[in-house]
C-alpha atoms as a PDB file:
ATOM      1  CA  UNK A   1     -19.494  -4.364  11.805  1.00  0.00           C
ATOM      2  CA  UNK A   2     -16.434  -3.612   9.651  1.00  0.00           C
ATOM      3  CA  UNK A   3     -14.573  -2.202  12.636  1.00  0.00           C
ATOM      4  CA  UNK A   4     -15.312  -5.316  14.681  1.00  0.00           C
ATOM      5  CA  UNK A   5     -14.133  -7.597  11.871  1.00  0.00           C
ATOM      6  CA  UNK A   6     -10.849  -5.794  11.327  1.00  0.00           C
ATOM      7  CA  UNK A   7     -10.109  -5.437  15.035  1.00  0.00           C
ATOM      8  CA  UNK A   8     -10.684  -9.172  15.473  1.00  0.00           C
ATOM      9  CA  UNK A   9      -8.383  -9.822  12.517  1.00  0.00           C
ATOM     10  CA  UNK A  10      -5.441  -8.386  14.459  1.00  0.00           C
ATOM     11  CA  UNK A  11      -6.000 -10.187  17.757  1.00  0.00           C
ATOM     12  CA  UNK A  12      -4.692 -13.581  16.601  1.00  0.00           C
ATOM     13  CA  UNK A  13      -1.061 -12.517  16.421  1.00  0.00           C
ATOM     14  CA  UNK A  14       1.570 -10.436  18.205  1.00  0.00           C
ATOM     15  CA  UNK A  15       2.420  -6.970  16.929  1.00  0.00           C
ATOM     16  CA  UNK A  16       5.942  -7.028  15.481  1.00  0.00           C
ATOM     17  CA  UNK A  17       7.748  -5.917  12.319  1.00  0.00           C
ATOM     18  CA  UNK A  18       6.598  -6.795   8.799  1.00  0.00           C
ATOM     19  CA  UNK A  19       8.426  -7.498   5.531  1.00  0.00           C
ATOM     20  CA  UNK A  20       6.260  -5.361   3.248  1.00  0.00           C
ATOM     21  CA  UNK A  21       6.574  -1.550   3.349  1.00  0.00           C
ATOM     22  CA  UNK A  22       3.939   0.208   5.412  1.00  0.00           C
ATOM     23  CA  UNK A  23       1.992   3.324   4.403  1.00  0.00           C
ATOM     24  CA  UNK A  24      -0.026   5.814   6.416  1.00  0.00           C
ATOM     25  CA  UNK A  25      -1.969   7.108   3.383  1.00  0.00           C
ATOM     26  CA  UNK A  26      -2.949   3.585   2.329  1.00  0.00           C
ATOM     27  CA  UNK A  27      -6.373   4.781   1.140  1.00  0.00           C
ATOM     28  CA  UNK A  28      -4.608   6.450  -1.815  1.00  0.00           C
ATOM     29  CA  UNK A  29      -2.455   3.501  -2.967  1.00  0.00           C
ATOM     30  CA  UNK A  30      -4.435   0.326  -2.372  1.00  0.00           C
ATOM     31  CA  UNK A  31      -3.093  -1.198  -5.569  1.00  0.00           C
ATOM     32  CA  UNK A  32       0.146  -1.744  -3.610  1.00  0.00           C
ATOM     33  CA  UNK A  33      -1.510  -4.584  -1.667  1.00  0.00           C
ATOM     34  CA  UNK A  34      -4.721  -5.452  -3.552  1.00  0.00           C
ATOM     35  CA  UNK A  35      -4.862  -6.203  -7.317  1.00  0.00           C
ATOM     36  CA  UNK A  36      -8.674  -6.259  -7.088  1.00  0.00           C
ATOM     37  CA  UNK A  37      -8.476  -2.456  -6.837  1.00  0.00           C
ATOM     38  CA  UNK A  38      -7.372  -2.122 -10.486  1.00  0.00           C
ATOM     39  CA  UNK A  39      -9.921  -0.225 -12.560  1.00  0.00           C
ATOM     40  CA  UNK A  40     -12.148   0.579  -9.600  1.00  0.00           C
ATOM     41  CA  UNK A  41     -12.798   4.134 -10.870  1.00  0.00           C
ATOM     42  CA  UNK A  42     -14.020   5.428 -14.214  1.00  0.00           C
ATOM     43  CA  UNK A  43     -10.658   7.094 -14.791  1.00  0.00           C
ATOM     44  CA  UNK A  44      -6.974   6.434 -15.341  1.00  0.00           C
ATOM     45  CA  UNK A  45      -5.289   7.058 -11.999  1.00  0.00           C
ATOM     46  CA  UNK A  46      -1.573   7.567 -11.348  1.00  0.00           C
ATOM     47  CA  UNK A  47      -0.195   7.642  -7.810  1.00  0.00           C
ATOM     48  CA  UNK A  48       3.308   8.270  -6.471  1.00  0.00           C
ATOM     49  CA  UNK A  49       4.246   7.812  -2.809  1.00  0.00           C
ATOM     50  CA  UNK A  50       7.567   8.470  -1.094  1.00  0.00           C
ATOM     51  CA  UNK A  51       8.034   7.448   2.537  1.00  0.00           C
ATOM     52  CA  UNK A  52      10.991   8.029   4.837  1.00  0.00           C
ATOM     53  CA  UNK A  53      10.430   5.882   7.894  1.00  0.00           C
ATOM     54  CA  UNK A  54      12.051   6.564  11.281  1.00  0.00           C
ATOM     55  CA  UNK A  55      13.819   9.711  10.073  1.00  0.00           C
ATOM     56  CA  UNK A  56      17.285  10.106  11.563  1.00  0.00           C
ATOM     57  CA  UNK A  57      18.017   6.403  12.027  1.00  0.00           C
ATOM     58  CA  UNK A  58      20.767   5.147   9.732  1.00  0.00           C
ATOM     59  CA  UNK A  59      19.550   2.329   7.490  1.00  0.00           C
ATOM     60  CA  UNK A  60      15.846   2.961   8.215  1.00  0.00           C
ATOM     61  CA  UNK A  61      13.409   2.089   5.382  1.00  0.00           C
ATOM     62  CA  UNK A  62      13.007   4.553   2.495  1.00  0.00           C
ATOM     63  CA  UNK A  63      10.262   3.545   0.052  1.00  0.00           C
ATOM     64  CA  UNK A  64       9.241   5.002  -3.315  1.00  0.00           C
ATOM     65  CA  UNK A  65       6.130   3.667  -5.037  1.00  0.00           C
ATOM     66  CA  UNK A  66       4.463   4.419  -8.374  1.00  0.00           C
ATOM     67  CA  UNK A  67       1.200   2.862  -9.564  1.00  0.00           C
ATOM     68  CA  UNK A  68      -1.117   3.361 -12.518  1.00  0.00           C
ATOM     69  CA  UNK A  69      -4.450   1.644 -13.057  1.00  0.00           C
ATOM     70  CA  UNK A  70      -7.343   1.982 -15.474  1.00  0.00           C
ATOM     71  CA  UNK A  71     -10.647   0.311 -16.365  1.00  0.00           C
ATOM     72  CA  UNK A  72     -11.462  -1.201 -19.755  1.00  0.00           C
ATOM     73  CA  UNK A  73     -14.359  -3.077 -21.345  1.00  0.00           C
ATOM     74  CA  UNK A  74     -14.487  -6.123 -23.605  1.00  0.00           C
ATOM     75  CA  UNK A  75     -17.449  -6.892 -25.852  1.00  0.00           C
ATOM     76  CA  UNK A  76     -17.887 -10.532 -26.889  1.00  0.00           C
ATOM     77  CA  UNK A  77     -21.043 -11.817 -28.591  1.00  0.00           C
ATOM     78  CA  UNK A  78     -23.184  -8.804 -27.677  1.00  0.00           C
ATOM     79  CA  UNK A  79     -22.050  -9.006 -24.040  1.00  0.00           C
ATOM     80  CA  UNK A  80     -19.858  -6.342 -22.460  1.00  0.00           C
ATOM     81  CA  UNK A  81     -17.669  -7.201 -19.485  1.00  0.00           C
ATOM     82  CA  UNK A  82     -15.734  -4.837 -17.232  1.00  0.00           C
ATOM     83  CA  UNK A  83     -12.081  -5.230 -16.321  1.00  0.00           C
ATOM     84  CA  UNK A  84      -9.170  -3.341 -14.781  1.00  0.00           C
ATOM     85  CA  UNK A  85      -5.429  -3.337 -15.327  1.00  0.00           C
ATOM     86  CA  UNK A  86      -2.596  -1.865 -13.295  1.00  0.00           C
ATOM     87  CA  UNK A  87       1.170  -1.398 -13.131  1.00  0.00           C
ATOM     88  CA  UNK A  88       3.256  -1.120  -9.956  1.00  0.00           C
ATOM     89  CA  UNK A  89       6.899  -0.087  -9.545  1.00  0.00           C
ATOM     90  CA  UNK A  90       8.531   0.091  -6.131  1.00  0.00           C
ATOM     91  CA  UNK A  91      11.955   0.746  -4.630  1.00  0.00           C
ATOM     92  CA  UNK A  92      12.483  -0.113  -0.972  1.00  0.00           C
ATOM     93  CA  UNK A  93      15.825   0.560   0.746  1.00  0.00           C
ATOM     94  CA  UNK A  94      16.539  -0.593   4.289  1.00  0.00           C
ATOM     95  CA  UNK A  95      19.814  -1.424   5.944  1.00  0.00           C
ATOM     96  CA  UNK A  96      22.140  -3.023   3.391  1.00  0.00           C
ATOM     97  CA  UNK A  97      19.220  -4.074   1.166  1.00  0.00           C
ATOM     98  CA  UNK A  98      17.832  -2.452  -1.983  1.00  0.00           C
ATOM     99  CA  UNK A  99      14.595  -4.068  -3.203  1.00  0.00           C
ATOM    100  CA  UNK A 100      13.154  -3.199  -6.627  1.00  0.00           C
ATOM    101  CA  UNK A 101       9.791  -4.622  -7.723  1.00  0.00           C
ATOM    102  CA  UNK A 102       7.744  -4.369 -10.913  1.00  0.00           C
ATOM    103  CA  UNK A 103       4.263  -5.871 -11.011  1.00  0.00           C
ATOM    104  CA  UNK A 104       1.279  -6.192 -13.356  1.00  0.00           C
ATOM    105  CA  UNK A 105      -2.298  -6.377 -12.042  1.00  0.00           C
ATOM    106  CA  UNK A 106      -5.520  -7.560 -13.620  1.00  0.00           C
ATOM    107  CA  UNK A 107      -9.051  -7.467 -12.159  1.00  0.00           C
ATOM    108  CA  UNK A 108     -12.365  -8.774 -13.422  1.00  0.00           C
ATOM    109  CA  UNK A 109     -15.110  -6.361 -12.326  1.00  0.00           C
ATOM    110  CA  UNK A 110     -18.855  -6.934 -11.981  1.00  0.00           C
ATOM    111  CA  UNK A 111     -21.803  -5.297 -10.288  1.00  0.00           C
ATOM    112  CA  UNK A 112     -22.836  -6.326  -6.776  1.00  0.00           C
ATOM    113  CA  UNK A 113     -25.816  -4.447  -5.361  1.00  0.00           C
ATOM    114  CA  UNK A 114     -25.227  -0.703  -5.684  1.00  0.00           C
ATOM    115  CA  UNK A 115     -21.486  -1.092  -6.212  1.00  0.00           C
ATOM    116  CA  UNK A 116     -18.875  -3.090  -8.088  1.00  0.00           C
ATOM    117  CA  UNK A 117     -16.678  -5.987  -7.073  1.00  0.00           C
ATOM    118  CA  UNK A 118     -13.205  -6.584  -8.463  1.00  0.00           C
ATOM    119  CA  UNK A 119     -11.428  -9.936  -8.259  1.00  0.00           C
ATOM    120  CA  UNK A 120      -7.784  -9.428  -9.120  1.00  0.00           C
ATOM    121  CA  UNK A 121      -4.486 -11.221  -9.543  1.00  0.00           C
ATOM    122  CA  UNK A 122      -0.973  -9.811  -9.808  1.00  0.00           C
ATOM    123  CA  UNK A 123       2.404 -11.015 -11.024  1.00  0.00           C
ATOM    124  CA  UNK A 124       5.510  -9.447  -9.523  1.00  0.00           C
ATOM    125  CA  UNK A 125       9.154  -9.529 -10.555  1.00  0.00           C
ATOM    126  CA  UNK A 126      11.464  -8.538  -7.731  1.00  0.00           C
ATOM    127  CA  UNK A 127      15.176  -8.000  -7.273  1.00  0.00           C
ATOM    128  CA  UNK A 128      16.858  -7.978  -3.882  1.00  0.00           C
ATOM    129  CA  UNK A 129      20.342  -6.480  -3.909  1.00  0.00           C
ATOM    130  CA  UNK A 130      22.786  -6.513  -1.005  1.00  0.00           C
ATOM    131  CA  UNK A 131      25.512  -3.897  -0.648  1.00  0.00           C
ATOM    132  CA  UNK A 132      27.170  -4.443   2.717  1.00  0.00           C
ATOM    133  CA  UNK A 133      30.438  -4.100   4.569  1.00  0.00           C
ATOM    134  CA  UNK A 134      30.905  -6.901   7.082  1.00  0.00           C
ATOM    135  CA  UNK A 135      33.053  -6.416  10.168  1.00  0.00           C
ATOM    136  CA  UNK A 136      33.724  -9.841  11.662  1.00  0.00           C
ATOM    137  CA  UNK A 137      35.065 -10.420  15.195  1.00  0.00           C
ATOM    138  CA  UNK A 138      37.405 -13.213  14.118  1.00  0.00           C
ATOM    139  CA  UNK A 139      38.759 -15.207  11.194  1.00  0.00           C
ATOM    140  CA  UNK A 140      36.329 -18.075  11.824  1.00  0.00           C
ATOM    141  CA  UNK A 141      33.392 -15.803  10.826  1.00  0.00           C
ATOM    142  CA  UNK A 142      34.808 -15.189   7.347  1.00  0.00           C
ATOM    143  CA  UNK A 143      34.143 -18.831   6.426  1.00  0.00           C
ATOM    144  CA  UNK A 144      30.547 -18.885   7.684  1.00  0.00           C
ATOM    145  CA  UNK A 145      28.572 -19.948   4.582  1.00  0.00           C
ATOM    146  CA  UNK A 146      25.312 -18.603   6.021  1.00  0.00           C
ATOM    147  CA  UNK A 147      26.649 -15.030   5.666  1.00  0.00           C
ATOM    148  CA  UNK A 148      26.190 -13.656   2.105  1.00  0.00           C
ATOM    149  CA  UNK A 149      28.918 -11.791   0.271  1.00  0.00           C
ATOM    150  CA  UNK A 150      29.187  -8.032   0.584  1.00  0.00           C
ATOM    151  CA  UNK A 151      27.719  -7.404  -2.885  1.00  0.00           C
ATOM    152  CA  UNK A 152      25.065  -9.793  -4.183  1.00  0.00           C
ATOM    153  CA  UNK A 153      21.801  -9.650  -6.104  1.00  0.00           C
ATOM    154  CA  UNK A 154      19.010 -12.159  -6.565  1.00  0.00           C
ATOM    155  CA  UNK A 155      15.802 -12.108  -8.615  1.00  0.00           C
ATOM    156  CA  UNK A 156      12.477 -13.861  -8.084  1.00  0.00           C
ATOM    157  CA  UNK A 157       8.837 -14.021  -9.136  1.00  0.00           C
ATOM    158  CA  UNK A 158       5.819 -13.673  -6.874  1.00  0.00           C
ATOM    159  CA  UNK A 159       2.031 -13.337  -7.106  1.00  0.00           C
ATOM    160  CA  UNK A 160      -0.832 -11.673  -5.268  1.00  0.00           C
ATOM    161  CA  UNK A 161      -4.606 -12.071  -5.059  1.00  0.00           C
ATOM    162  CA  UNK A 162      -7.331  -9.696  -3.921  1.00  0.00           C
ATOM    163  CA  UNK A 163     -11.005  -8.795  -3.817  1.00  0.00           C
ATOM    164  CA  UNK A 164     -12.122  -5.166  -3.708  1.00  0.00           C
ATOM    165  CA  UNK A 165     -15.683  -3.824  -3.408  1.00  0.00           C
ATOM    166  CA  UNK A 166     -16.512  -0.151  -3.928  1.00  0.00           C
ATOM    167  CA  UNK A 167     -19.943   1.398  -3.566  1.00  0.00           C
ATOM    168  CA  UNK A 168     -21.272   4.941  -3.583  1.00  0.00           C
ATOM    169  CA  UNK A 169     -19.803   5.791  -0.179  1.00  0.00           C
ATOM    170  CA  UNK A 170     -18.043   2.646   1.053  1.00  0.00           C
ATOM    171  CA  UNK A 171     -15.217   0.274   0.137  1.00  0.00           C
ATOM    172  CA  UNK A 172     -13.939  -3.042   1.461  1.00  0.00           C
ATOM    173  CA  UNK A 173     -10.895  -5.038   0.378  1.00  0.00           C
ATOM    174  CA  UNK A 174      -9.330  -8.386   1.301  1.00  0.00           C
ATOM    175  CA  UNK A 175      -6.047  -9.467  -0.280  1.00  0.00           C
ATOM    176  CA  UNK A 176      -2.860 -11.472   0.015  1.00  0.00           C
ATOM    177  CA  UNK A 177       0.666 -10.766  -1.239  1.00  0.00           C
ATOM    178  CA  UNK A 178       3.632 -13.141  -1.588  1.00  0.00           C
ATOM    179  CA  UNK A 179       1.332 -16.035  -2.456  1.00  0.00           C
ATOM    180  CA  UNK A 180       4.249 -18.107  -3.734  1.00  0.00           C
ATOM    181  CA  UNK A 181       6.388 -17.363  -0.649  1.00  0.00           C
ATOM    182  CA  UNK A 182       9.595 -17.271  -2.719  1.00  0.00           C
ATOM    183  CA  UNK A 183      12.763 -18.260  -0.890  1.00  0.00           C
ATOM    184  CA  UNK A 184      15.376 -15.948  -2.421  1.00  0.00           C
ATOM    185  CA  UNK A 185      18.883 -17.412  -2.258  1.00  0.00           C
ATOM    186  CA  UNK A 186      22.137 -15.572  -2.783  1.00  0.00           C
ATOM    187  CA  UNK A 187      25.214 -17.178  -4.343  1.00  0.00           C
ATOM    188  CA  UNK A 188      25.577 -19.517  -1.396  1.00  0.00           C
ATOM    189  CA  UNK A 189      22.278 -21.447  -1.069  1.00  0.00           C
ATOM    190  CA  UNK A 190      22.414 -21.237   2.726  1.00  0.00           C
ATOM    191  CA  UNK A 191      22.239 -17.422   2.586  1.00  0.00           C
ATOM    192  CA  UNK A 192      18.479 -17.074   2.050  1.00  0.00           C
ATOM    193  CA  UNK A 193      15.807 -14.409   2.374  1.00  0.00           C
ATOM    194  CA  UNK A 194      12.385 -16.108   2.581  1.00  0.00           C
ATOM    195  CA  UNK A 195       9.253 -14.022   1.987  1.00  0.00           C
ATOM    196  CA  UNK A 196       6.174 -14.846   4.048  1.00  0.00           C
ATOM    197  CA  UNK A 197       2.616 -14.681   2.738  1.00  0.00           C
ATOM    198  CA  UNK A 198       0.931 -11.456   3.846  1.00  0.00           C
ATOM    199  CA  UNK A 199      -2.795 -10.880   4.419  1.00  0.00           C
ATOM    200  CA  UNK A 200      -4.551  -7.498   4.277  1.00  0.00           C
ATOM    201  CA  UNK A 201      -8.029  -6.188   5.015  1.00  0.00           C
ATOM    202  CA  UNK A 202      -9.059  -2.583   4.306  1.00  0.00           C
ATOM    203  CA  UNK A 203     -12.311  -0.693   4.731  1.00  0.00           C
ATOM    204  CA  UNK A 204     -13.550   2.872   4.591  1.00  0.00           C
ATOM    205  CA  UNK A 205     -16.575   5.063   4.020  1.00  0.00           C
ATOM    206  CA  UNK A 206     -17.747   8.630   3.445  1.00  0.00           C
ATOM    207  CA  UNK A 207     -20.313   9.979   5.898  1.00  0.00           C
ATOM    208  CA  UNK A 208     -22.047  13.244   4.895  1.00  0.00           C
ATOM    209  CA  UNK A 209     -22.563  15.819   7.657  1.00  0.00           C
ATOM    210  CA  UNK A 210     -25.374  18.315   8.140  1.00  0.00           C
ATOM    211  CA  UNK A 211     -23.324  20.864   6.197  1.00  0.00           C
ATOM    212  CA  UNK A 212     -23.055  19.359   2.668  1.00  0.00           C
ATOM    213  CA  UNK A 213     -19.605  20.916   2.210  1.00  0.00           C
ATOM    214  CA  UNK A 214     -18.163  18.642   4.912  1.00  0.00           C
ATOM    215  CA  UNK A 215     -17.752  14.862   4.976  1.00  0.00           C
ATOM    216  CA  UNK A 216     -16.342  12.472   7.569  1.00  0.00           C
ATOM    217  CA  UNK A 217     -14.058   9.749   6.131  1.00  0.00           C
ATOM    218  CA  UNK A 218     -12.981   6.957   8.518  1.00  0.00           C
ATOM    219  CA  UNK A 219     -10.808   4.129   7.173  1.00  0.00           C
ATOM    220  CA  UNK A 220      -8.766   1.213   8.461  1.00  0.00           C
ATOM    221  CA  UNK A 221      -6.237  -1.417   7.446  1.00  0.00           C
ATOM    222  CA  UNK A 222      -5.355  -4.716   9.144  1.00  0.00           C
ATOM    223  CA  UNK A 223      -2.338  -6.830   8.271  1.00  0.00           C
ATOM    224  CA  UNK A 224      -0.879 -10.197   9.266  1.00  0.00           C
ATOM    225  CA  UNK A 225       1.665 -12.706   7.984  1.00  0.00           C
ATOM    226  CA  UNK A 226       0.938 -15.326  10.636  1.00  0.00           C
ATOM    227  CA  UNK A 227       3.749 -14.103  12.886  1.00  0.00           C
ATOM    228  CA  UNK A 228       3.460 -10.311  12.716  1.00  0.00           C
ATOM    229  CA  UNK A 229       0.277  -8.274  12.842  1.00  0.00           C
ATOM    230  CA  UNK A 230      -0.705  -4.631  12.566  1.00  0.00           C
ATOM    231  CA  UNK A 231      -3.835  -2.491  12.754  1.00  0.00           C
ATOM    232  CA  UNK A 232      -4.202   1.125  11.561  1.00  0.00           C
ATOM    233  CA  UNK A 233      -7.228   3.385  11.918  1.00  0.00           C
ATOM    234  CA  UNK A 234      -7.572   6.846  10.312  1.00  0.00           C
ATOM    235  CA  UNK A 235     -10.228   9.561  10.404  1.00  0.00           C
ATOM    236  CA  UNK A 236     -10.299  12.448   7.918  1.00  0.00           C
ATOM    237  CA  UNK A 237     -12.525  15.471   7.486  1.00  0.00           C
ATOM    238  CA  UNK A 238     -13.081  16.569   3.886  1.00  0.00           C
ATOM    239  CA  UNK A 239     -14.140  20.032   2.735  1.00  0.00           C
ATOM    240  CA  UNK A 240     -15.775  20.384  -0.702  1.00  0.00           C
ATOM    241  CA  UNK A 241     -13.954  17.195  -1.743  1.00  0.00           C
ATOM    242  CA  UNK A 242     -10.848  19.313  -2.304  1.00  0.00           C
ATOM    243  CA  UNK A 243      -9.208  19.673   1.129  1.00  0.00           C
ATOM    244  CA  UNK A 244      -8.825  17.053   3.849  1.00  0.00           C
ATOM    245  CA  UNK A 245      -7.033  16.530   7.119  1.00  0.00           C
ATOM    246  CA  UNK A 246      -7.141  14.083   9.960  1.00  0.00           C
ATOM    247  CA  UNK A 247      -5.480  11.782  12.436  1.00  0.00           C
ATOM    248  CA  UNK A 248      -4.602   8.109  12.585  1.00  0.00           C
ATOM    249  CA  UNK A 249      -3.329   5.510  15.010  1.00  0.00           C
ATOM    250  CA  UNK A 250      -1.118   2.505  14.284  1.00  0.00           C
ATOM    251  CA  UNK A 251      -1.602   0.043  17.126  1.00  0.00           C
ATOM    252  CA  UNK A 252       1.248   0.079  19.665  1.00  0.00           C
ATOM    253  CA  UNK A 253       3.448   2.055  17.270  1.00  0.00           C
ATOM    254  CA  UNK A 254       2.579   5.585  16.212  1.00  0.00           C
ATOM    255  CA  UNK A 255       0.109   8.455  15.919  1.00  0.00           C
ATOM    256  CA  UNK A 256      -0.395   9.957  12.450  1.00  0.00           C
ATOM    257  CA  UNK A 257      -1.334  13.451  11.312  1.00  0.00           C
ATOM    258  CA  UNK A 258      -2.215  13.982   7.660  1.00  0.00           C
ATOM    259  CA  UNK A 259      -3.303  16.762   5.365  1.00  0.00           C
ATOM    260  CA  UNK A 260      -4.059  17.023   1.657  1.00  0.00           C
ATOM    261  CA  UNK A 261      -5.627  19.151  -1.049  1.00  0.00           C
ATOM    262  CA  UNK A 262      -6.533  19.179  -4.731  1.00  0.00           C
ATOM    263  CA  UNK A 263      -4.467  21.593  -6.829  1.00  0.00           C
ATOM    264  CA  UNK A 264      -6.794  21.392  -9.824  1.00  0.00           C
ATOM    265  CA  UNK A 265      -9.246  18.887 -11.230  1.00  0.00           C
ATOM    266  CA  UNK A 266      -7.804  15.395 -10.771  1.00  0.00           C
ATOM    267  CA  UNK A 267      -4.435  16.298  -9.151  1.00  0.00           C
ATOM    268  CA  UNK A 268      -4.097  15.739  -5.409  1.00  0.00           C
ATOM    269  CA  UNK A 269      -1.217  16.105  -2.948  1.00  0.00           C
ATOM    270  CA  UNK A 270      -1.092  14.610   0.529  1.00  0.00           C
ATOM    271  CA  UNK A 271       1.382  14.584   3.413  1.00  0.00           C
ATOM    272  CA  UNK A 272       1.462  12.550   6.613  1.00  0.00           C
ATOM    273  CA  UNK A 273       3.703  12.482   9.654  1.00  0.00           C
ATOM    274  CA  UNK A 274       3.909   9.520  12.025  1.00  0.00           C
ATOM    275  CA  UNK A 275       4.984  10.276  15.576  1.00  0.00           C
ATOM    276  CA  UNK A 276       6.375   7.086  17.058  1.00  0.00           C
ATOM    277  CA  UNK A 277       5.727   6.352  20.727  1.00  0.00           C
ATOM    278  CA  UNK A 278       8.028   3.317  20.810  1.00  0.00           C
ATOM    279  CA  UNK A 279      11.563   3.094  22.208  1.00  0.00           C
ATOM    280  CA  UNK A 280      12.881   4.016  18.728  1.00  0.00           C
ATOM    281  CA  UNK A 281      11.670   7.586  19.199  1.00  0.00           C
ATOM    282  CA  UNK A 282      14.797   8.779  21.026  1.00  0.00           C
ATOM    283  CA  UNK A 283      16.969   7.822  18.034  1.00  0.00           C
ATOM    284  CA  UNK A 284      14.952   9.764  15.437  1.00  0.00           C
ATOM    285  CA  UNK A 285      15.814  13.292  14.354  1.00  0.00           C
ATOM    286  CA  UNK A 286      12.151  14.317  14.104  1.00  0.00           C
ATOM    287  CA  UNK A 287      10.488  11.654  16.221  1.00  0.00           C
ATOM    288  CA  UNK A 288       8.838   9.792  13.404  1.00  0.00           C
ATOM    289  CA  UNK A 289       8.234   9.132   9.690  1.00  0.00           C
ATOM    290  CA  UNK A 290       7.396  11.335   6.690  1.00  0.00           C
ATOM    291  CA  UNK A 291       5.222  10.367   3.723  1.00  0.00           C
ATOM    292  CA  UNK A 292       4.309  12.372   0.602  1.00  0.00           C
ATOM    293  CA  UNK A 293       1.655  11.330  -1.924  1.00  0.00           C
ATOM    294  CA  UNK A 294       0.791  12.770  -5.360  1.00  0.00           C
ATOM    295  CA  UNK A 295      -2.060  11.427  -7.482  1.00  0.00           C
ATOM    296  CA  UNK A 296      -3.669  12.345 -10.788  1.00  0.00           C
ATOM    297  CA  UNK A 297      -6.876  10.915 -12.285  1.00  0.00           C
ATOM    298  CA  UNK A 298      -8.140  11.698 -15.778  1.00  0.00           C
ATOM    299  CA  UNK A 299     -10.290  10.394 -18.613  1.00  0.00           C
ATOM    300  CA  UNK A 300      -8.983   9.786 -22.143  1.00  0.00           C
ATOM    301  CA  UNK A 301     -12.407  10.578 -23.618  1.00  0.00           C
ATOM    302  CA  UNK A 302     -13.450  14.159 -23.131  1.00  0.00           C
ATOM    303  CA  UNK A 303     -17.083  14.427 -22.072  1.00  0.00           C
ATOM    304  CA  UNK A 304     -19.386  17.229 -23.159  1.00  0.00           C
ATOM    305  CA  UNK A 305     -20.646  17.696 -19.628  1.00  0.00           C
ATOM    306  CA  UNK A 306     -18.017  18.396 -17.004  1.00  0.00           C
ATOM    307  CA  UNK A 307     -17.972  15.465 -14.586  1.00  0.00           C
ATOM    308  CA  UNK A 308     -16.850  16.022 -11.009  1.00  0.00           C
ATOM    309  CA  UNK A 309     -15.072  13.152  -9.288  1.00  0.00           C
ATOM    310  CA  UNK A 310     -16.494  12.099  -5.970  1.00  0.00           C
ATOM    311  CA  UNK A 311     -13.404  11.614  -3.804  1.00  0.00           C
ATOM    312  CA  UNK A 312     -12.048   8.924  -6.125  1.00  0.00           C
ATOM    313  CA  UNK A 313      -8.860   8.494  -4.122  1.00  0.00           C
ATOM    314  CA  UNK A 314     -10.762   7.746  -0.912  1.00  0.00           C
ATOM    315  CA  UNK A 315     -13.315   5.477  -2.580  1.00  0.00           C
END
């Protein structure tokens, strides 16, 4: 049912480029697109992701992301409510642009069936800097007011909204970024960079196999901004919840291989490689994109009984 929903989500639009950075290991950094994810585990979780897209192509996107999120409770008049809070910092370089974003996330969490639902909202401060060298074919181009100066910077504010459900062995998220659709203008008001509202849907589950040491973990993400659309599907095999590896497919774009392991309790490292099968492939030094992920989850309160996380970064 989830697969049918997400596949249908992508059929309304053509598959072209998107404004937001893309990630192959999206199951580890869902806070990047869904504030409802904040506090979804009984632990403080830090995640860092670095992605070099289309390696070998000058000006190709290079993205660094850091997120931290944690749950907390509030007790008012004998009633305890559950909440989550998160922080996001991102640097995204592509072409002449350098984007830096800092966002705060909040989620109200409550029980639904055997799992918990989070309804979240985010506020994002972003800075888009331009550091370019223009080579114009004639003098008439130097007076074109629609072309920004070689060095400019503009700041803006944006918001996001999301819903995230996590159960014992399943998760489902629906979210939107760039709710305000800010129209960032450089010094000349005709030199603008409008941001379009983006929509995301994610889903995944853990399926135990006959051998209890092994688990099958399929997941997917669908994206659209009304003009561009994308669908990604991944499958991972997990061994003893400490080692995983698998493959993925980004529709009409690339095939992904990924691997990861847990160094010690709570610290995980993952790597993925996207092999592009588009016309861009012949311009890449290694035929695709590289992505490295490091995450660490821990509790501030030390429990008397050692508690083993159940694949917290997948679910």
